[in-house]
Protein backbone atom coordinates (compact mmCIF):
# COMPACT_ATOMS: atom_id res chain seq x y z
CA MET A 1 -39.09 26.93 -31.46
CA GLY A 2 -42.28 24.98 -32.15
CA SER A 3 -40.33 21.87 -33.13
CA LEU A 4 -38.32 22.10 -29.90
CA GLU A 5 -41.52 22.35 -27.86
CA ALA A 6 -42.87 19.31 -29.68
CA LEU A 7 -39.67 17.38 -28.95
CA VAL A 8 -39.86 18.30 -25.26
CA ALA A 9 -43.45 17.06 -25.19
CA GLN A 10 -42.35 13.77 -26.77
CA ILE A 11 -39.54 13.39 -24.22
CA GLN A 12 -42.01 14.03 -21.40
CA GLY A 13 -44.58 11.63 -22.84
CA LEU A 14 -42.31 8.77 -23.90
CA SER A 15 -40.09 8.16 -20.86
CA SER A 16 -42.19 5.82 -18.72
CA SER A 17 -41.89 2.34 -20.26
CA ALA A 18 -39.17 0.43 -22.10
CA GLY A 19 -41.23 0.43 -25.29
CA ASP A 20 -41.84 4.18 -25.11
CA ILE A 21 -38.18 4.88 -24.42
CA SER A 22 -37.19 2.75 -27.42
CA ARG A 23 -39.50 4.82 -29.65
CA LEU A 24 -38.18 8.04 -28.11
CA HIS A 25 -34.63 6.93 -28.90
CA VAL A 26 -35.49 6.70 -32.60
CA ILE A 27 -37.03 10.20 -32.51
CA LEU A 28 -34.00 11.67 -30.72
CA LYS A 29 -31.58 10.16 -33.22
CA GLN A 30 -33.54 11.77 -36.05
CA ALA A 31 -33.54 15.13 -34.22
CA GLU A 32 -29.80 15.13 -33.49
CA ASP A 33 -28.72 17.53 -36.24
CA SER A 34 -31.52 20.00 -35.55
CA LEU A 35 -30.71 19.95 -31.82
CA ARG A 36 -27.10 20.84 -32.50
CA SER A 37 -28.13 23.66 -34.81
CA GLU A 38 -30.16 25.08 -31.91
CA SER A 39 -27.44 24.45 -29.29
CA THR A 40 -27.36 28.04 -27.98
CA ARG A 41 -31.11 27.99 -27.27
CA LEU A 42 -31.36 24.66 -25.47
CA SER A 43 -30.30 25.45 -21.89
CA PRO A 44 -33.75 26.78 -20.79
CA ILE A 45 -35.35 23.52 -21.96
CA LEU A 46 -33.43 21.53 -19.34
CA SER A 47 -35.50 23.08 -16.56
CA GLN A 48 -38.61 21.50 -18.13
CA LEU A 49 -37.17 17.98 -17.81
CA ASP A 50 -36.55 15.72 -14.83
CA PRO A 51 -33.23 13.86 -15.20
CA SER A 52 -34.51 11.02 -12.99
CA ILE A 53 -37.40 10.39 -15.41
CA HIS A 54 -36.38 11.86 -18.77
CA SER A 55 -32.74 10.68 -18.69
CA LEU A 56 -32.42 9.79 -22.37
CA GLY A 57 -33.96 13.03 -23.64
CA TYR A 58 -32.02 15.09 -21.10
CA LEU A 59 -28.81 13.44 -22.30
CA TYR A 60 -29.47 14.32 -25.96
CA ILE A 61 -30.21 17.96 -25.06
CA LEU A 62 -27.10 18.20 -22.85
CA GLU A 63 -24.91 16.74 -25.58
CA ALA A 64 -26.20 19.31 -28.07
CA CYS A 65 -25.75 22.14 -25.52
CA THR A 66 -22.10 21.23 -25.05
CA SER A 67 -21.30 20.44 -28.69
CA VAL A 68 -19.87 23.93 -29.34
CA PRO A 69 -16.97 25.67 -27.53
CA ILE A 70 -18.21 27.41 -24.40
CA SER A 71 -16.89 30.29 -22.31
CA LYS A 72 -15.99 30.16 -18.64
CA GLU A 73 -19.26 31.93 -17.82
CA GLN A 74 -21.26 29.38 -19.83
CA ALA A 75 -19.38 26.55 -18.10
CA ALA A 76 -20.38 27.99 -14.72
CA THR A 77 -24.02 27.76 -15.82
CA LEU A 78 -23.81 24.28 -17.34
CA VAL A 79 -21.76 22.49 -14.68
CA PRO A 80 -24.60 22.32 -12.10
CA TYR A 81 -27.00 20.98 -14.75
CA VAL A 82 -24.59 18.22 -15.79
CA ALA A 83 -23.71 17.32 -12.19
CA ARG A 84 -27.41 17.04 -11.31
CA PHE A 85 -28.10 14.97 -14.41
CA ILE A 86 -25.30 12.52 -13.60
CA SER A 87 -26.53 12.17 -10.01
CA PHE A 88 -30.15 11.43 -10.92
CA CYS A 89 -30.09 9.82 -14.38
CA VAL A 90 -31.37 6.27 -14.84
CA PRO A 91 -28.54 3.83 -15.80
CA GLU A 92 -30.80 1.76 -18.09
CA GLN A 93 -31.58 4.85 -20.17
CA ILE A 94 -28.07 6.31 -20.50
CA ARG A 95 -26.65 2.88 -21.41
CA LEU A 96 -28.78 2.99 -24.57
CA THR A 97 -26.26 5.52 -25.92
CA PRO A 98 -23.06 5.08 -23.89
CA ASP A 99 -20.86 7.03 -26.31
CA LYS A 100 -23.07 10.11 -25.92
CA PHE A 101 -22.99 9.79 -22.11
CA ILE A 102 -19.20 9.47 -22.15
CA CYS A 103 -18.96 12.49 -24.45
CA VAL A 104 -21.09 14.65 -22.11
CA CYS A 105 -19.07 13.53 -19.07
CA LYS A 106 -15.74 14.25 -20.80
CA ARG A 107 -16.96 17.73 -21.68
CA PHE A 108 -18.08 18.12 -18.07
CA LYS A 109 -14.52 17.30 -16.99
CA GLU A 110 -13.22 19.98 -19.37
CA GLN A 111 -15.74 22.47 -17.97
CA VAL A 112 -14.70 22.01 -14.32
CA MET A 113 -11.07 22.33 -15.42
CA LEU A 114 -11.96 25.52 -17.29
CA LEU A 115 -13.44 26.77 -14.00
CA GLU A 116 -10.20 25.69 -12.26
CA ALA A 117 -12.29 23.59 -9.88
CA PRO A 118 -11.51 19.92 -10.60
CA ILE A 119 -12.87 18.90 -7.21
CA ARG A 120 -16.38 19.79 -8.43
CA GLY A 121 -16.15 16.96 -10.94
CA VAL A 122 -14.88 14.19 -8.67
CA ALA A 123 -18.14 12.98 -7.08
CA PRO A 124 -20.22 13.33 -10.28
CA LEU A 125 -17.70 11.38 -12.38
CA LEU A 126 -17.50 8.61 -9.77
CA ALA A 127 -21.28 8.33 -10.02
CA ALA A 128 -21.00 8.37 -13.83
CA VAL A 129 -18.49 5.50 -13.80
CA GLN A 130 -20.73 3.41 -11.57
CA LYS A 131 -23.84 4.09 -13.68
CA LEU A 132 -22.10 3.30 -16.96
CA GLN A 133 -20.44 0.08 -15.76
CA SER A 134 -22.16 -3.17 -16.63
CA SER A 135 -20.21 -4.72 -13.73
CA SER A 136 -17.29 -3.84 -11.44
CA GLU A 137 -15.03 -5.74 -13.88
CA HIS A 138 -15.86 -3.30 -16.70
CA LEU A 139 -13.34 -0.53 -17.44
CA THR A 140 -15.24 2.34 -19.06
CA GLY A 141 -14.05 5.37 -20.99
CA LEU A 142 -14.80 7.44 -17.88
CA HIS A 143 -12.39 5.68 -15.51
CA PRO A 144 -9.35 7.69 -16.72
CA GLU A 145 -11.33 10.96 -16.67
CA PHE A 146 -12.36 10.34 -13.06
CA LEU A 147 -8.84 9.41 -11.97
CA LEU A 148 -7.38 12.49 -13.66
CA LEU A 149 -9.77 14.75 -11.73
CA CYS A 150 -8.83 12.93 -8.51
CA LEU A 151 -5.17 13.67 -9.26
CA LEU A 152 -5.77 17.33 -10.08
CA ALA A 153 -7.97 17.80 -7.00
CA LYS A 154 -5.60 15.70 -4.83
CA CYS A 155 -8.56 13.48 -3.87
CA TYR A 156 -6.33 10.41 -3.79
CA LYS A 157 -8.44 8.37 -1.36
CA THR A 158 -11.52 8.81 -3.54
CA GLY A 159 -9.51 7.62 -6.54
CA LEU A 160 -8.42 4.50 -4.68
CA SER A 161 -12.06 3.41 -4.48
CA ILE A 162 -12.09 2.12 -8.08
CA LEU A 163 -8.54 0.75 -8.18
CA GLU A 164 -9.21 -2.43 -6.21
CA ASP A 165 -11.58 -3.92 -8.79
CA ASP A 166 -10.30 -6.70 -11.05
CA ILE A 167 -10.69 -5.56 -14.66
CA PHE A 168 -11.61 -8.09 -17.36
CA GLU A 169 -13.59 -5.97 -19.85
CA VAL A 170 -12.03 -2.93 -21.55
CA ASP A 171 -13.81 -0.66 -24.04
CA GLN A 172 -10.68 0.97 -25.54
CA PRO A 173 -6.99 -0.01 -25.07
CA ARG A 174 -6.01 3.63 -24.47
CA ASP A 175 -8.42 3.76 -21.53
CA PHE A 176 -6.55 0.86 -19.93
CA PHE A 177 -3.15 2.55 -20.31
CA LEU A 178 -4.46 5.78 -18.79
CA TYR A 179 -6.28 3.92 -16.01
CA CYS A 180 -3.04 2.18 -15.02
CA TYR A 181 -0.95 5.35 -15.31
CA TYR A 182 -3.26 7.69 -13.43
CA GLY A 183 -4.06 4.94 -10.93
CA GLY A 184 -0.36 4.40 -10.33
CA MET A 185 0.10 8.12 -9.70
CA ILE A 186 -2.77 8.14 -7.19
CA CYS A 187 -1.22 5.20 -5.35
CA ILE A 188 2.13 7.03 -5.31
CA GLY A 189 0.35 10.05 -3.82
CA GLN A 190 -0.95 7.81 -1.03
CA LYS A 191 2.41 5.99 -0.75
CA HIS A 192 0.72 2.72 -1.67
CA PHE A 193 3.83 1.73 -3.57
CA ARG A 194 3.05 -1.96 -4.03
CA LYS A 195 -0.25 -1.20 -5.77
CA ALA A 196 1.42 1.60 -7.75
CA LEU A 197 4.00 -0.88 -9.04
CA GLU A 198 1.26 -3.32 -10.05
CA LEU A 199 -0.62 -0.68 -12.05
CA LEU A 200 2.48 0.83 -13.68
CA HIS A 201 3.73 -2.67 -14.53
CA ASN A 202 0.40 -3.39 -16.26
CA ALA A 203 0.78 -0.23 -18.37
CA VAL A 204 4.31 -1.22 -19.39
CA THR A 205 3.55 -4.86 -20.21
CA ALA A 206 0.12 -4.44 -21.86
CA PRO A 207 -0.13 -5.42 -25.55
CA MET A 208 0.91 -2.62 -27.92
CA SER A 209 1.75 -2.59 -31.61
CA ASN A 210 3.46 0.81 -31.40
CA ILE A 211 5.31 2.36 -28.50
CA ASN A 212 3.08 4.91 -26.79
CA ALA A 213 3.80 7.92 -24.60
CA ILE A 214 1.71 6.60 -21.70
CA ALA A 215 3.76 3.40 -21.44
CA ILE A 216 6.99 5.42 -21.57
CA GLU A 217 5.92 7.70 -18.71
CA ALA A 218 4.66 4.69 -16.76
CA TYR A 219 8.04 2.96 -17.16
CA LYS A 220 9.89 6.02 -15.82
CA LYS A 221 7.72 6.02 -12.71
CA TYR A 222 7.95 2.24 -12.42
CA ILE A 223 11.75 2.50 -12.21
CA MET A 224 11.62 5.13 -9.47
CA VAL A 225 8.91 3.41 -7.42
CA SER A 226 10.87 0.13 -7.65
CA LEU A 227 13.87 1.90 -6.10
CA ILE A 228 11.74 3.49 -3.39
CA HIS A 229 9.82 0.33 -2.49
CA HIS A 230 12.31 -2.47 -3.19
CA GLY A 231 15.65 -0.64 -3.19
CA GLN A 232 16.49 -2.11 -6.59
CA PHE A 233 15.37 -2.28 -10.21
CA SER A 234 15.80 -4.84 -12.97
CA THR A 235 15.63 -3.91 -16.65
CA SER A 236 14.35 -7.40 -17.51
CA LEU A 237 10.72 -7.36 -18.63
CA PRO A 238 8.43 -10.43 -18.43
CA LYS A 239 8.23 -12.66 -21.52
CA TYR A 240 4.60 -11.67 -22.12
CA THR A 241 5.62 -8.03 -22.64
CA SER A 242 5.09 -6.94 -26.24
CA SER A 243 8.12 -7.08 -28.52
CA THR A 244 7.58 -3.36 -29.21
CA ALA A 245 8.04 -2.50 -25.54
CA GLN A 246 10.94 -4.94 -25.19
CA ARG A 247 12.80 -3.29 -28.07
CA HIS A 248 12.09 0.41 -27.60
CA LEU A 249 10.99 1.28 -24.06
CA LYS A 250 14.46 1.51 -22.52
CA ASN A 251 15.66 3.86 -25.26
CA PHE A 252 13.19 6.52 -24.08
CA CYS A 253 14.02 6.09 -20.39
CA GLN A 254 17.84 5.98 -20.26
CA PRO A 255 18.27 8.74 -17.61
CA TYR A 256 16.02 6.73 -15.28
CA ILE A 257 17.84 3.47 -15.94
CA ASP A 258 21.11 5.28 -15.20
CA LEU A 259 19.50 6.62 -12.01
CA ALA A 260 18.86 3.02 -10.95
CA VAL A 261 22.47 2.09 -11.75
CA SER A 262 23.72 4.98 -9.62
CA TYR A 263 21.35 3.97 -6.82
CA SER A 264 22.66 0.41 -6.85
CA THR A 265 26.12 1.60 -5.73
CA GLY A 266 24.70 2.69 -2.37
CA LYS A 267 26.84 5.84 -2.56
CA ILE A 268 24.70 8.83 -1.74
CA ALA A 269 27.21 11.41 -3.03
CA GLU A 270 27.34 9.75 -6.45
CA LEU A 271 23.55 9.52 -6.62
CA GLU A 272 23.07 13.18 -5.72
CA ALA A 273 25.73 14.25 -8.21
CA TYR A 274 24.00 12.28 -10.97
CA ILE A 275 20.63 13.81 -10.08
CA GLN A 276 22.02 17.35 -10.12
CA THR A 277 23.58 16.73 -13.53
CA ASN A 278 20.24 15.52 -14.90
CA ARG A 279 17.96 17.72 -12.80
CA GLU A 280 16.59 19.64 -15.78
CA HIS A 281 15.53 16.38 -17.45
CA PHE A 282 13.73 15.11 -14.35
CA GLU A 283 12.03 18.46 -13.81
CA SER A 284 10.82 18.66 -17.42
CA ASP A 285 9.23 15.23 -16.91
CA ASN A 286 7.57 16.49 -13.69
CA ASN A 287 9.33 13.67 -11.85
CA PHE A 288 11.74 15.59 -9.64
CA GLY A 289 9.55 15.14 -6.54
CA LEU A 290 9.68 11.38 -7.03
CA VAL A 291 13.43 11.54 -7.63
CA LYS A 292 13.81 13.23 -4.23
CA GLN A 293 11.90 10.32 -2.68
CA VAL A 294 14.41 7.99 -4.34
CA VAL A 295 17.24 9.86 -2.57
CA SER A 296 15.37 9.70 0.74
CA SER A 297 14.88 5.95 0.31
CA MET A 298 18.64 5.47 -0.14
CA TYR A 299 19.32 7.29 3.14
CA LYS A 300 16.79 5.05 4.87
CA ARG A 301 18.24 1.88 3.38
CA ASN A 302 21.74 2.90 4.41
CA ILE A 303 20.46 3.58 7.94
CA GLN A 304 18.74 0.20 7.87
CA ARG A 305 22.02 -1.51 7.04
CA LEU A 306 23.66 0.23 9.99
CA THR A 307 20.96 -0.92 12.41
CA GLN A 308 21.48 -4.49 11.27
CA THR A 309 25.15 -4.17 12.29
CA TYR A 310 25.01 -2.10 15.49
CA LEU A 311 22.63 -2.50 18.42
CA THR A 312 22.95 1.10 19.62
CA LEU A 313 23.74 4.18 17.57
CA SER A 314 23.69 7.87 18.31
CA LEU A 315 22.05 10.20 15.85
CA GLN A 316 25.46 11.79 15.30
CA ASP A 317 26.87 8.35 14.35
CA ILE A 318 24.05 7.83 11.86
CA ALA A 319 24.44 11.31 10.36
CA ASN A 320 28.19 10.87 9.93
CA THR A 321 28.02 7.37 8.44
CA VAL A 322 25.24 7.89 5.90
CA GLN A 323 26.37 11.45 5.04
CA LEU A 324 23.43 13.41 6.43
CA ASN A 325 23.89 17.08 7.26
CA SER A 326 23.00 16.91 10.95
CA PRO A 327 21.78 14.67 13.79
CA LYS A 328 18.40 16.39 13.44
CA GLU A 329 18.14 15.19 9.85
CA ALA A 330 19.10 11.69 10.96
CA GLU A 331 16.38 11.81 13.60
CA MET A 332 13.80 12.76 10.98
CA HIS A 333 14.70 9.77 8.78
CA VAL A 334 14.78 7.35 11.71
CA LEU A 335 11.40 8.47 13.02
CA GLN A 336 9.89 8.14 9.55
CA MET A 337 11.26 4.61 9.35
CA VAL A 338 9.89 3.67 12.76
CA VAL A 339 6.46 4.95 11.76
CA SER A 340 6.72 2.91 8.54
CA PHE A 341 7.77 -0.20 10.48
CA CYS A 342 10.96 -0.29 8.44
CA ILE A 343 13.23 -0.86 11.42
CA MET A 344 13.21 -1.90 15.03
CA ILE A 345 16.01 0.03 16.64
CA SER A 346 17.22 1.23 19.99
CA PHE A 347 19.01 4.49 19.51
CA VAL A 348 20.46 7.12 21.78
CA LEU A 349 19.00 10.59 21.30
CA CYS A 350 22.30 12.38 21.70
CA HIS A 351 23.82 15.06 19.55
């Protein structure tokens, strides 16, 4: 315990100037193995440190504390410490060892998921992203972790806050794929389909030497969002798409390409029959909710075609023509379209 007390004293005494912090960093690197061997005894030490002053030392202790598997009860104890550290730590200190900071934050994400409380990690990880970034153009290893928590907690609007930045610097290619995929899903959740298409398109067309699962899942969603937003889908990929994606991507997504083919007929009965036949596949991909939005978009597009032909339509006329079950169902679709500024229509509310 004496060596730990000495290390705490060094952290407290060498955290004021850049030169001191540089010396402290050397000491902490040398103490790494001994810290991990004492991991179960380190938690009480955190209360002796101020994360807004002793950020580098606090980070090394936290990393050692979380380096072994922890129970749900231990996670409940550690989560407040990590959240407080992220909120108050000094960016200049944690950037001295970015990999360690990313590691602690990823474990923090796992801890809030272990507690089944992803929302507790959303604000801290947003702060972590902003502190780790060298600029708003920098995609860090924490962007995907933050977006995943936003998805799990259904905090879509919070997730949107980092999706408007132009990205020019990427630490790891996998981070970019996940950023685009999770970001696309957040935009789908907010019905920001144009931005969702942009992000999913980036995941599909990004350079890759081997086909990867993220690009495959992104392509499936890209097909469906194209149908929802544009009413059509083309299998042609841009010339700058990797040859790997050009050759193999469609082979993994055939049910979705066939869905687009069925959609292109404009025949709702055929589309619904195809979906029922392949329902198990869509459900196993966790895409059935999006598939249902594809069906809804076909109804709306068929209604839109009607309104371009007829000046006045009853809800019964609409229901009969586009094969809806009732005038009430037709009314629901029409009102949704009016709210979305999809149509300008004068219709008779008669049954």
